[in-house]
Amino acid sequence: MTSEFGALSLVPPLLAIALAIITRRALLSLFIGIWAGGVIIAADGAETALEFAAVPLLAVVEAFGWIVASYGDDTFHAEIIAFTFLLGAGIALVWRMGGSVAVAQAATTRVDSHRRVGLVAWLLGLVWFFDDYANTAIVGSAVKDIADEVRMSREKLAYILDSTAAPVATFGISSWVAFQIGLIQDVYDSEAISGETPSAVGTFLRSIPFNVYCLLALLMVLIIVLTRRDFGEMLDAEARAQRTGKVTREDATPLQSMKKDLGEPAVDDPLLRTFVVPVAVLVTVVVGGATITGFQAAGVTPGEALSETGALIDVIDNTDFTGALVWGSFSMVATAVAMALYDDVLTLEESMETILDGFGIMLTAVSILVMAWSIGTVAEVLETGQYVTALAEGIVTPTLLPVVVLLSTGIIAFSIGTSWGTMGIVTPIAVPMAYEIGGGSPELLSVAVGAIFSGAIFGDHCSPISDTTILSSTFAGADHIDHVRTQLYYALTVLAVSIVVYLLYGFFGLSPFVLVPIGAVVLVGLVYALSELDAARKDLVAKPFAGAREQDVPSDD
């Protein structure tokens, strides 16, 4: 299936992305991209000179139709908006009660270096594998103030959050895995594949070693954190933060700023429990709520789920993760208000004002999210994904299959800003294609699934219109476009190594258990080489930070 608009279908998302990166004005760039989609639709239906003259105005009407629909036509979108606003309120209350300051003070003696803070953020990202949204929110909220203490740039923190959240969710018990297994099962149940094939769950499990980009992305974060070697624009950001203490660029526009938007905490001697208890309630309600909804909807008992793989998948597939996020964030707000009143830190009126202020600090992020969803709708209407996939189908051989699937999936995810939407487009095409060209090979089916995951996450990491990228910027307190620009160098590096790994597999048939470690070694070499080259090129600006020891980092003292 091809798009009737052909190459024009690429214009709106790519225009928005290019403008966002060049101008650093995400909202304006996204609106222009949406409007460009409206122009294409309106011009396609115009027949008379008057109708063509009205195309720019009709495009505005079409654009706002898509934007308004993004608020209310999709329950998932509405729940994410509610979660984001409520979490902003909870974070604001914790800040005003001094919880964030208390965490920073308590951690100073234990997590007292740039390397250790990065390692803690990476480990927390691995632990919270159930949901990528909650991952970025919880880890970002827990680590941000500690990161400021050791002068870690907000760009670096956003990178750590973004490059652990979605990749780790593709391996464990998560909504991502349930969604992809469901897509595989749909393909198996259709007439596209016949004969003996492994189960959808079996295909997914076999695909894990072939999910090369996600595996290497997690390793890349660890390499960057442990070696403290950076390159590209991240090197500039880290040099700025270490030399001047400015964790954001001077004229940056962070998606949230506690001190600027909320003022100083209301207490001089904050208690650690004002952070720990609300966050613990958030985590408990999210996990508990998600688990309960899964078992109820699937109609099975915990014993049945543990003994039957299919029953467990049904539980995961029916889990209401986004609903649980809303309940958890509301519970966090309610708990924080109760604690503020009990400790006599805030009055009820001050608590309500803080909640509204918390909504306010999330307004920019929500606005960008809505715009990103809207341009995703434009790409859906213009069938951008189908166009890219159709182009890729003509050049596929068993040897090139993983690379073609990786790149085409990455381009689609980059263009439409949604990993799930990309997987929904590509899986029904790539899996039957792998079955046909591989002569029914179960391994090639797993390779295709792993490459789909890899491409979807890569495109997601590079795209300024991706919701997970936006939320990573938000909870790191980073300028969104600065996050995209700095992360891009690392994502492309991991992509390049992933392509090499897939080509080695395609040409020589080597096991991924051999290839992935080789890829990890290549990554280490690239990080060292690129950091040295970039430091030499930038000379005095960056050289002290390429491979510098912790004690070598200059301070303002």
Protein backbone atom coordinates (compact mmCIF):
# COMPACT_ATOMS: atom_id res chain seq x y z
CA MET A 1 0.00 0.00 0.00
CA THR A 2 1.38 3.41 -0.97
CA SER A 3 0.40 6.96 -0.05
CA GLU A 4 -1.64 8.82 -2.67
CA PHE A 5 0.32 11.96 -1.79
CA GLY A 6 3.72 10.34 -2.45
CA ALA A 7 6.78 12.34 -1.44
CA LEU A 8 4.52 15.26 -0.40
CA SER A 9 3.52 13.19 2.63
CA LEU A 10 7.04 13.70 4.02
CA VAL A 11 6.90 17.50 3.85
CA PRO A 12 4.88 18.39 7.00
CA PRO A 13 6.81 16.30 9.57
CA LEU A 14 10.23 16.96 8.05
CA LEU A 15 9.50 20.69 7.74
CA ALA A 16 8.46 20.84 11.39
CA ILE A 17 11.52 18.90 12.52
CA ALA A 18 13.95 20.97 10.44
CA LEU A 19 12.46 24.27 11.63
CA ALA A 20 12.50 23.13 15.25
CA ILE A 21 16.18 22.18 15.12
CA ILE A 22 17.20 25.35 13.21
CA THR A 23 15.07 27.94 15.05
CA ARG A 24 14.82 26.19 18.47
CA ARG A 25 11.13 27.26 18.46
CA ALA A 26 9.34 23.95 18.89
CA LEU A 27 5.73 25.18 19.14
CA LEU A 28 5.95 27.52 16.15
CA SER A 29 7.75 24.91 14.04
CA LEU A 30 5.21 22.22 14.86
CA PHE A 31 2.29 24.50 13.99
CA ILE A 32 3.88 25.37 10.65
CA GLY A 33 4.28 21.67 9.92
CA ILE A 34 0.64 21.00 10.81
CA TRP A 35 -0.45 23.94 8.66
CA ALA A 36 1.65 22.61 5.76
CA GLY A 37 -0.31 19.36 6.03
CA GLY A 38 -3.51 21.37 5.87
CA VAL A 39 -2.24 23.10 2.73
CA ILE A 40 -1.63 19.74 1.03
CA ILE A 41 -5.10 18.45 1.95
CA ALA A 42 -6.87 21.69 0.99
CA ALA A 43 -4.99 22.03 -2.31
CA ASP A 44 -5.76 18.42 -3.20
CA GLY A 45 -9.48 19.12 -2.95
CA ALA A 46 -9.43 22.51 -4.67
CA GLU A 47 -10.80 22.77 -8.22
CA THR A 48 -11.55 26.43 -8.93
CA ALA A 49 -9.30 29.50 -8.76
CA LEU A 50 -11.29 30.77 -5.75
CA GLU A 51 -10.78 27.51 -3.91
CA PHE A 52 -7.04 27.61 -4.59
CA ALA A 53 -6.90 31.19 -3.30
CA ALA A 54 -8.59 30.06 -0.10
CA VAL A 55 -6.14 27.18 0.48
CA PRO A 56 -3.98 29.01 3.14
CA LEU A 57 -7.10 29.88 5.16
CA LEU A 58 -8.63 26.44 4.75
CA ALA A 59 -5.30 24.97 5.89
CA VAL A 60 -5.56 26.93 9.15
CA VAL A 61 -9.06 25.54 9.72
CA GLU A 62 -7.81 22.02 9.00
CA ALA A 63 -4.82 22.50 11.32
CA PHE A 64 -6.93 23.60 14.27
CA GLY A 65 -9.29 20.73 13.64
CA TRP A 66 -6.40 18.30 14.11
CA ILE A 67 -5.11 20.19 17.16
CA VAL A 68 -8.48 20.27 18.92
CA ALA A 69 -9.03 16.58 18.15
CA SER A 70 -5.70 15.75 19.83
CA TYR A 71 -7.07 17.01 23.16
CA GLY A 72 -10.23 14.98 23.38
CA ASP A 73 -10.73 12.40 20.65
CA ASP A 74 -8.14 10.02 22.09
CA THR A 75 -8.52 8.72 25.67
CA PHE A 76 -4.83 7.87 25.77
CA HIS A 77 -3.87 11.47 24.96
CA ALA A 78 -6.31 12.84 27.55
CA GLU A 79 -4.87 10.55 30.23
CA ILE A 80 -1.29 11.55 29.41
CA ILE A 81 -2.26 15.23 29.64
CA ALA A 82 -3.96 14.64 32.99
CA PHE A 83 -0.96 12.66 34.26
CA THR A 84 1.48 15.36 33.16
CA PHE A 85 -0.49 18.18 34.82
CA LEU A 86 -1.05 16.21 38.05
CA LEU A 87 2.58 15.17 38.22
CA GLY A 88 3.55 18.81 37.77
CA ALA A 89 1.33 19.66 40.74
CA GLY A 90 2.88 16.87 42.83
CA ILE A 91 6.41 17.94 41.96
CA ALA A 92 5.55 21.56 42.79
CA LEU A 93 4.19 20.59 46.22
CA VAL A 94 7.27 18.48 46.96
CA TRP A 95 9.48 21.40 45.93
CA ARG A 96 7.62 23.89 48.12
CA MET A 97 7.86 21.49 51.10
CA GLY A 98 11.61 21.27 50.52
CA GLY A 99 11.61 17.61 49.50
CA SER A 100 13.88 18.09 46.50
CA VAL A 101 16.40 20.03 48.58
CA ALA A 102 16.31 17.35 51.28
CA VAL A 103 17.10 14.63 48.72
CA ALA A 104 20.01 16.64 47.35
CA GLN A 105 21.37 17.20 50.85
CA ALA A 106 20.98 13.55 51.85
CA ALA A 107 22.62 12.30 48.67
CA THR A 108 25.55 14.72 48.69
CA THR A 109 27.69 12.51 50.92
CA ARG A 110 26.91 9.32 48.97
CA VAL A 111 26.32 10.42 45.38
CA ASP A 112 28.98 13.10 45.34
CA SER A 113 30.33 13.05 41.81
CA HIS A 114 29.20 13.54 38.26
CA ARG A 115 29.94 9.90 37.44
CA ARG A 116 27.99 8.54 40.40
CA VAL A 117 24.94 10.69 39.68
CA GLY A 118 24.92 9.49 36.08
CA LEU A 119 25.28 5.89 37.21
CA VAL A 120 22.40 6.23 39.69
CA ALA A 121 20.17 7.72 36.96
CA TRP A 122 21.11 4.88 34.58
CA LEU A 123 20.44 2.19 37.19
CA LEU A 124 17.09 3.71 38.18
CA GLY A 125 16.18 3.82 34.50
CA LEU A 126 16.88 0.10 34.21
CA VAL A 127 14.86 -0.73 37.31
CA TRP A 128 11.74 1.13 36.20
CA PHE A 129 11.05 -0.88 33.04
CA PHE A 130 7.25 -1.04 33.28
CA ASP A 131 6.50 2.22 31.50
CA ASP A 132 8.66 4.81 29.74
CA TYR A 133 6.55 7.83 30.77
CA ALA A 134 6.70 6.96 34.45
CA ASN A 135 10.40 6.14 34.03
CA THR A 136 11.33 9.63 32.86
CA ALA A 137 9.06 11.31 35.43
CA ILE A 138 10.19 9.37 38.49
CA VAL A 139 13.89 9.14 37.67
CA GLY A 140 14.07 12.75 36.50
CA SER A 141 12.32 14.05 39.63
CA ALA A 142 14.58 11.98 41.90
CA VAL A 143 17.90 12.88 40.25
CA LYS A 144 17.57 16.41 38.84
CA ASP A 145 18.55 18.37 41.96
CA ILE A 146 21.42 16.00 42.74
CA ALA A 147 22.61 16.41 39.16
CA ASP A 148 22.60 20.19 39.58
CA GLU A 149 24.82 19.82 42.65
CA VAL A 150 27.55 18.10 40.62
CA ARG A 151 27.09 20.46 37.65
CA MET A 152 25.69 17.91 35.26
CA SER A 153 24.14 19.72 32.32
CA ARG A 154 20.39 19.32 31.91
CA GLU A 155 21.10 18.13 28.37
CA LYS A 156 23.15 15.22 29.76
CA LEU A 157 20.44 14.31 32.27
CA ALA A 158 17.75 14.42 29.58
CA TYR A 159 19.89 12.12 27.42
CA ILE A 160 20.28 9.59 30.24
CA LEU A 161 16.52 9.64 30.92
CA ASP A 162 15.52 9.37 27.26
CA SER A 163 18.03 6.72 26.28
CA THR A 164 17.11 4.38 29.13
CA ALA A 165 13.32 4.82 29.36
CA ALA A 166 12.06 3.53 26.00
CA PRO A 167 14.89 1.05 25.26
CA VAL A 168 14.53 -0.77 28.58
CA ALA A 169 10.74 -0.92 28.13
CA THR A 170 11.25 -3.03 25.00
CA PHE A 171 12.76 -5.91 26.99
CA GLY A 172 10.70 -6.41 30.15
CA ILE A 173 7.13 -6.79 31.34
CA SER A 174 5.74 -3.59 29.89
CA SER A 175 2.98 -2.12 27.77
CA TRP A 176 5.49 -1.88 24.88
CA VAL A 177 6.11 -5.62 24.86
CA ALA A 178 2.42 -6.47 25.12
CA PHE A 179 1.64 -4.11 22.23
CA GLN A 180 4.29 -5.61 19.96
CA ILE A 181 3.36 -9.20 20.81
CA GLY A 182 -0.23 -8.31 19.94
CA LEU A 183 0.88 -6.95 16.56
CA ILE A 184 2.89 -10.10 15.85
CA GLN A 185 -0.07 -12.29 16.80
CA ASP A 186 -2.35 -10.30 14.48
CA VAL A 187 0.03 -10.97 11.60
CA TYR A 188 0.21 -14.68 12.47
CA ASP A 189 -3.58 -14.88 12.63
CA SER A 190 -3.96 -13.25 9.21
CA GLU A 191 -3.54 -14.93 5.86
CA ALA A 192 -0.19 -13.20 5.35
CA ILE A 193 1.62 -16.09 7.05
CA SER A 194 0.73 -19.76 6.85
CA GLY A 195 2.41 -22.95 7.92
CA GLU A 196 4.46 -23.65 11.04
CA THR A 197 5.67 -20.56 12.87
CA PRO A 198 6.74 -20.02 16.47
CA SER A 199 4.25 -18.35 18.80
CA ALA A 200 4.11 -14.58 18.98
CA VAL A 201 5.67 -14.74 22.44
CA GLY A 202 8.41 -17.05 21.17
CA THR A 203 9.16 -14.74 18.27
CA PHE A 204 9.42 -11.78 20.63
CA LEU A 205 11.75 -13.61 23.02
CA ARG A 206 13.99 -14.67 20.12
CA SER A 207 14.00 -11.06 18.86
CA ILE A 208 15.62 -9.66 22.04
CA PRO A 209 19.25 -10.36 20.96
CA PHE A 210 18.41 -8.78 17.58
CA ASN A 211 17.05 -5.60 19.17
CA VAL A 212 20.51 -4.20 18.60
CA TYR A 213 19.89 -0.44 18.78
CA CYS A 214 18.14 -0.65 22.16
CA LEU A 215 20.81 -2.93 23.64
CA LEU A 216 23.62 -0.69 22.41
CA ALA A 217 21.79 2.52 23.40
CA LEU A 218 21.68 1.31 27.02
CA LEU A 219 25.37 0.40 26.81
CA MET A 220 26.18 3.77 25.23
CA VAL A 221 24.68 5.62 28.20
CA LEU A 222 26.80 3.53 30.58
CA ILE A 223 29.95 4.16 28.52
CA ILE A 224 29.34 7.92 28.44
CA VAL A 225 28.60 8.02 32.18
CA LEU A 226 31.60 5.94 33.27
CA THR A 227 34.20 7.44 30.91
CA ARG A 228 32.84 11.00 31.12
CA ARG A 229 33.83 11.42 27.50
CA ASP A 230 31.48 13.50 25.37
CA PHE A 231 31.46 14.77 21.81
CA GLY A 232 29.31 16.94 19.59
CA GLU A 233 27.09 19.55 21.20
CA MET A 234 26.95 17.53 24.43
CA LEU A 235 30.63 18.29 24.93
CA ASP A 236 29.83 22.01 24.74
CA ALA A 237 26.96 21.60 27.21
CA GLU A 238 29.06 19.68 29.72
CA ALA A 239 31.99 22.10 29.39
CA ARG A 240 29.62 25.01 30.05
CA ALA A 241 28.06 23.35 33.10
CA GLN A 242 31.39 22.31 34.64
CA ARG A 243 33.15 25.64 34.05
CA THR A 244 30.35 28.05 34.87
CA GLY A 245 27.84 26.05 36.91
CA LYS A 246 25.12 26.92 34.36
CA VAL A 247 23.26 23.65 33.82
CA THR A 248 21.30 25.15 30.91
CA ARG A 249 22.34 27.40 28.06
CA GLU A 250 22.09 31.12 28.90
CA ASP A 251 19.16 31.84 26.56
CA ALA A 252 17.61 28.36 26.86
CA THR A 253 13.93 27.81 27.55
CA PRO A 254 13.62 24.82 29.90
CA LEU A 255 10.25 23.08 29.82
CA GLN A 256 10.12 23.54 33.59
CA SER A 257 12.11 25.57 36.10
CA MET A 258 11.31 25.13 39.78
CA LYS A 259 13.11 28.10 41.26
CA LYS A 260 11.94 30.45 38.55
CA ASP A 261 8.31 29.31 38.49
CA LEU A 262 7.74 28.31 42.13
CA GLY A 263 10.18 30.38 44.16
CA GLU A 264 12.18 29.10 47.13
CA PRO A 265 11.01 26.20 49.34
CA ALA A 266 8.75 27.21 52.23
CA VAL A 267 11.02 25.66 54.92
CA ASP A 268 14.63 26.19 55.94
CA ASP A 269 15.17 22.68 57.34
CA PRO A 270 13.37 20.31 54.94
CA LEU A 271 12.59 16.70 55.83
CA LEU A 272 13.54 13.81 53.54
CA ARG A 273 10.13 12.17 53.97
CA THR A 274 8.45 15.07 52.17
CA PHE A 275 10.03 13.67 49.00
CA VAL A 276 10.14 9.95 49.77
CA VAL A 277 6.52 9.47 50.88
CA PRO A 278 4.73 11.20 47.93
CA VAL A 279 7.00 9.46 45.39
CA ALA A 280 6.52 6.10 47.14
CA VAL A 281 2.76 6.60 46.97
CA LEU A 282 3.03 7.44 43.26
CA VAL A 283 5.04 4.28 42.53
CA THR A 284 2.83 2.04 44.69
CA VAL A 285 -0.44 3.24 43.16
CA VAL A 286 0.90 3.05 39.59
CA VAL A 287 2.24 -0.49 39.99
CA GLY A 288 -0.73 -1.67 42.05
CA GLY A 289 -3.32 -0.04 39.81
CA ALA A 290 -1.75 -1.38 36.64
CA THR A 291 -1.51 -4.89 38.08
CA ILE A 292 -5.11 -4.96 39.33
CA THR A 293 -6.54 -3.69 36.04
CA GLY A 294 -4.55 -6.30 34.12
CA PHE A 295 -5.82 -9.22 36.17
CA GLN A 296 -9.41 -7.94 36.23
CA ALA A 297 -9.59 -7.32 32.49
CA ALA A 298 -7.92 -10.63 31.62
CA GLY A 299 -10.14 -12.55 34.05
CA VAL A 300 -7.30 -14.70 35.42
CA THR A 301 -5.75 -15.28 38.83
CA PRO A 302 -2.09 -14.59 39.69
CA GLY A 303 -1.48 -18.35 39.83
CA GLU A 304 -2.85 -18.86 36.33
CA ALA A 305 -0.79 -15.97 34.98
CA LEU A 306 2.44 -17.36 36.44
CA SER A 307 1.80 -20.87 35.15
CA GLU A 308 0.57 -20.00 31.67
CA THR A 309 2.55 -17.74 29.34
CA GLY A 310 -0.54 -16.86 27.33
CA ALA A 311 -2.42 -15.83 30.47
CA LEU A 312 0.49 -13.60 31.55
CA ILE A 313 0.53 -11.91 28.16
CA ASP A 314 -3.23 -11.34 28.42
CA VAL A 315 -2.70 -9.67 31.78
CA ILE A 316 0.02 -7.38 30.41
CA ASP A 317 -1.98 -6.64 27.27
CA ASN A 318 -5.03 -5.59 29.30
CA THR A 319 -3.15 -3.52 31.86
CA ASP A 320 -4.30 0.09 32.00
CA PHE A 321 -0.88 1.73 32.38
CA THR A 322 -2.00 5.25 31.47
CA GLY A 323 -4.99 5.09 33.81
CA ALA A 324 -2.68 3.90 36.58
CA LEU A 325 -0.37 6.87 35.91
CA VAL A 326 -3.31 9.25 36.43
CA TRP A 327 -4.36 7.56 39.66
CA GLY A 328 -0.78 7.51 40.91
CA SER A 329 -0.11 11.17 40.16
CA PHE A 330 -3.38 12.20 41.82
CA SER A 331 -2.49 10.13 44.88
CA MET A 332 0.89 11.85 44.97
CA VAL A 333 -0.81 15.26 44.99
CA ALA A 334 -3.29 14.25 47.69
CA THR A 335 -0.50 12.81 49.86
CA ALA A 336 1.67 15.89 49.46
CA VAL A 337 -1.22 18.21 50.41
CA ALA A 338 -1.99 16.11 53.49
CA MET A 339 1.68 16.19 54.55
CA ALA A 340 1.95 19.95 53.96
CA LEU A 341 -1.08 20.55 56.19
CA TYR A 342 0.05 18.04 58.85
CA ASP A 343 3.55 19.53 59.06
CA ASP A 344 2.11 23.07 58.94
CA VAL A 345 4.37 23.90 56.01
CA LEU A 346 1.63 25.19 53.72
CA THR A 347 -1.94 26.31 54.36
CA LEU A 348 -4.77 24.82 52.32
CA GLU A 349 -4.94 28.01 50.24
CA GLU A 350 -1.17 27.93 49.62
CA SER A 351 -1.40 24.25 48.68
CA MET A 352 -4.10 24.97 46.11
CA GLU A 353 -2.06 27.84 44.67
CA THR A 354 0.96 25.56 44.44
CA ILE A 355 -1.09 22.95 42.60
CA LEU A 356 -2.09 25.57 40.02
CA ASP A 357 1.54 26.69 39.75
CA GLY A 358 2.43 23.04 39.17
CA PHE A 359 -0.05 22.88 36.32
CA GLY A 360 1.61 25.98 34.93
CA ILE A 361 5.13 24.53 34.85
CA MET A 362 3.82 21.72 32.64
CA LEU A 363 1.88 23.94 30.24
CA THR A 364 4.68 24.27 27.68
CA ALA A 365 5.33 20.53 27.70
CA VAL A 366 1.64 19.72 27.25
CA SER A 367 1.34 22.25 24.43
CA ILE A 368 4.27 20.66 22.59
CA LEU A 369 2.81 17.20 23.22
CA VAL A 370 -0.52 18.22 21.68
CA MET A 371 1.22 19.74 18.67
CA ALA A 372 3.36 16.60 18.26
CA TRP A 373 0.28 14.38 18.37
CA SER A 374 -1.40 16.67 15.85
CA ILE A 375 1.42 16.42 13.34
CA GLY A 376 1.34 12.67 13.90
CA THR A 377 -2.28 12.83 12.78
CA VAL A 378 -1.20 14.76 9.69
CA ALA A 379 1.32 12.01 8.87
CA GLU A 380 -1.42 9.42 9.35
CA VAL A 381 -3.84 11.26 7.05
CA LEU A 382 -1.15 11.68 4.38
CA GLU A 383 -0.02 8.05 4.89
CA THR A 384 3.62 9.02 5.38
CA GLY A 385 4.52 5.68 6.94
CA GLN A 386 3.06 3.67 4.09
CA TYR A 387 5.01 5.74 1.57
CA VAL A 388 8.36 5.14 3.29
CA THR A 389 7.64 1.43 3.78
CA ALA A 390 6.69 1.01 0.12
CA LEU A 391 10.01 2.56 -0.92
CA ALA A 392 11.90 0.11 1.29
CA GLU A 393 10.10 -3.01 0.07
CA GLY A 394 11.72 -2.87 -3.36
CA ILE A 395 15.30 -3.24 -2.11
CA VAL A 396 14.96 -5.99 0.48
CA THR A 397 17.03 -9.20 0.40
CA PRO A 398 17.62 -11.61 3.32
CA THR A 399 21.08 -10.09 3.77
CA LEU A 400 19.85 -6.51 3.85
CA LEU A 401 16.55 -7.15 5.62
CA PRO A 402 17.58 -6.00 9.13
CA VAL A 403 19.27 -2.83 7.83
CA VAL A 404 16.36 -1.92 5.53
CA VAL A 405 13.79 -2.51 8.29
CA LEU A 406 15.92 -0.57 10.79
CA LEU A 407 16.35 2.48 8.53
CA SER A 408 12.82 2.60 7.12
CA THR A 409 11.31 2.18 10.60
CA GLY A 410 13.66 4.86 11.94
CA ILE A 411 12.66 7.32 9.21
CA ILE A 412 8.97 6.72 9.89
CA ALA A 413 9.38 7.14 13.66
CA PHE A 414 11.46 10.27 13.13
CA SER A 415 8.79 11.68 10.81
CA ILE A 416 5.64 10.88 12.78
CA GLY A 417 7.06 11.07 16.32
CA THR A 418 5.54 7.89 17.72
CA SER A 419 7.20 4.52 18.23
CA TRP A 420 3.91 2.70 18.73
CA GLY A 421 2.38 4.21 15.61
CA THR A 422 5.50 3.24 13.68
CA MET A 423 5.39 -0.34 14.93
CA GLY A 424 1.71 -0.47 14.02
CA ILE A 425 2.56 0.59 10.46
CA VAL A 426 5.67 -1.52 9.89
CA THR A 427 4.99 -4.82 11.69
CA PRO A 428 2.14 -6.01 9.39
CA ILE A 429 4.43 -5.37 6.40
CA ALA A 430 7.91 -6.32 7.63
CA VAL A 431 7.03 -9.60 9.36
CA PRO A 432 5.26 -11.20 6.33
CA MET A 433 8.07 -9.84 4.13
CA ALA A 434 10.67 -11.56 6.34
CA TYR A 435 8.63 -14.76 6.19
CA GLU A 436 8.48 -14.69 2.39
CA ILE A 437 12.09 -13.79 1.58
CA GLY A 438 13.40 -16.09 4.32
CA GLY A 439 11.43 -19.10 3.19
CA GLY A 440 9.55 -19.26 6.49
CA SER A 441 12.71 -18.99 8.64
CA PRO A 442 11.72 -18.41 12.30
CA GLU A 443 15.04 -16.68 12.91
CA LEU A 444 14.48 -14.11 10.17
CA LEU A 445 11.05 -13.34 11.68
CA SER A 446 12.79 -12.59 14.99
CA VAL A 447 15.41 -10.49 13.21
CA ALA A 448 12.65 -8.40 11.62
CA VAL A 449 10.91 -7.85 14.97
CA GLY A 450 14.18 -6.83 16.63
CA ALA A 451 14.94 -4.41 13.80
CA ILE A 452 11.44 -2.91 14.07
CA PHE A 453 11.95 -2.19 17.77
CA SER A 454 15.42 -0.79 17.08
CA GLY A 455 14.30 1.53 14.29
CA ALA A 456 11.26 2.75 16.19
CA ILE A 457 13.35 3.71 19.23
CA PHE A 458 16.11 5.28 17.14
CA GLY A 459 13.64 7.51 15.27
CA ASP A 460 11.96 8.34 18.56
CA HIS A 461 15.28 9.44 20.09
CA CYS A 462 16.09 11.75 17.18
CA SER A 463 12.68 13.33 16.68
CA PRO A 464 11.73 16.60 18.40
CA ILE A 465 8.06 15.67 17.91
CA SER A 466 8.34 12.44 19.92
CA ASP A 467 6.28 12.41 23.12
CA THR A 468 8.91 10.50 25.13
CA THR A 469 11.61 12.92 23.99
CA ILE A 470 9.41 15.85 25.05
CA LEU A 471 8.75 14.31 28.48
CA SER A 472 12.46 13.58 28.96
CA SER A 473 13.20 17.26 28.36
CA THR A 474 10.40 18.20 30.73
CA PHE A 475 11.44 16.11 33.72
CA ALA A 476 15.12 16.90 33.24
CA GLY A 477 14.26 20.61 33.15
CA ALA A 478 16.07 20.96 29.81
CA ASP A 479 15.47 23.10 26.76
CA HIS A 480 13.70 20.65 24.46
CA ILE A 481 15.57 21.43 21.25
CA ASP A 482 18.89 21.49 23.11
CA HIS A 483 18.10 17.96 24.29
CA VAL A 484 17.30 16.81 20.77
CA ARG A 485 20.43 18.38 19.29
CA THR A 486 22.81 16.97 21.92
CA GLN A 487 21.27 13.47 21.91
CA LEU A 488 21.33 13.28 18.11
CA TYR A 489 25.11 12.70 17.97
CA TYR A 490 24.89 9.75 20.33
CA ALA A 491 21.83 8.22 18.69
CA LEU A 492 23.50 8.37 15.26
CA THR A 493 26.65 6.77 16.67
CA VAL A 494 24.64 3.87 18.08
CA LEU A 495 22.75 3.62 14.77
CA ALA A 496 26.00 3.36 12.81
CA VAL A 497 27.26 0.51 15.01
CA SER A 498 23.85 -1.19 14.80
CA ILE A 499 24.05 -1.13 11.00
CA VAL A 500 27.51 -2.71 11.11
CA VAL A 501 26.21 -5.44 13.44
CA TYR A 502 23.23 -6.16 11.18
CA LEU A 503 25.45 -6.27 8.08
CA LEU A 504 27.83 -8.70 9.76
CA TYR A 505 24.85 -10.86 10.63
CA GLY A 506 23.45 -10.63 7.10
CA PHE A 507 26.70 -11.46 5.31
CA PHE A 508 28.26 -13.94 7.72
CA GLY A 509 25.36 -15.26 9.80
CA LEU A 510 27.20 -14.66 13.09
CA SER A 511 25.23 -15.08 16.30
CA PRO A 512 23.95 -11.86 17.93
CA PHE A 513 25.52 -13.11 21.17
CA VAL A 514 28.86 -12.60 19.40
CA LEU A 515 27.89 -9.50 17.44
CA VAL A 516 26.42 -7.40 20.25
CA PRO A 517 29.60 -7.64 22.39
CA ILE A 518 31.59 -6.71 19.28
CA GLY A 519 29.27 -3.73 18.86
CA ALA A 520 29.87 -2.73 22.47
CA VAL A 521 33.65 -2.77 21.95
CA VAL A 522 33.27 -0.69 18.79
CA LEU A 523 31.12 1.79 20.74
CA VAL A 524 33.81 2.21 23.38
CA GLY A 525 36.40 2.83 20.67
CA LEU A 526 34.18 5.35 18.90
CA VAL A 527 33.45 7.26 22.10
CA TYR A 528 37.15 7.57 22.86
CA ALA A 529 38.08 8.50 19.30
CA LEU A 530 35.26 11.00 18.73
CA SER A 531 35.75 12.66 22.12
CA GLU A 532 39.48 13.12 21.44
CA LEU A 533 38.88 14.45 17.92
CA ASP A 534 36.17 16.84 19.06
CA ALA A 535 38.19 18.05 22.03
CA ALA A 536 41.16 18.74 19.77
CA ARG A 537 38.95 20.58 17.30
CA LYS A 538 37.40 22.76 20.00
CA ASP A 539 40.72 23.06 21.84
CA LEU A 540 40.42 25.21 24.97
CA VAL A 541 36.64 25.04 25.15
CA ALA A 542 36.36 21.32 25.58
CA LYS A 543 39.69 19.54 25.88
CA PRO A 544 39.81 19.46 29.70
CA PHE A 545 36.58 17.46 29.75
CA ALA A 546 37.47 14.72 27.26
CA GLY A 547 38.42 11.84 29.50
CA ALA A 548 39.08 14.16 32.44
CA ARG A 549 39.27 12.58 35.88
CA GLU A 550 36.71 13.72 38.46
CA GLN A 551 39.37 15.66 40.37
CA ASP A 552 40.54 17.41 37.18
CA VAL A 553 37.24 19.23 36.71
CA PRO A 554 37.67 22.91 37.57
CA SER A 555 35.33 24.64 39.98
CA ASP A 556 34.44 28.22 40.77
CA ASP A 557 36.22 28.03 44.15
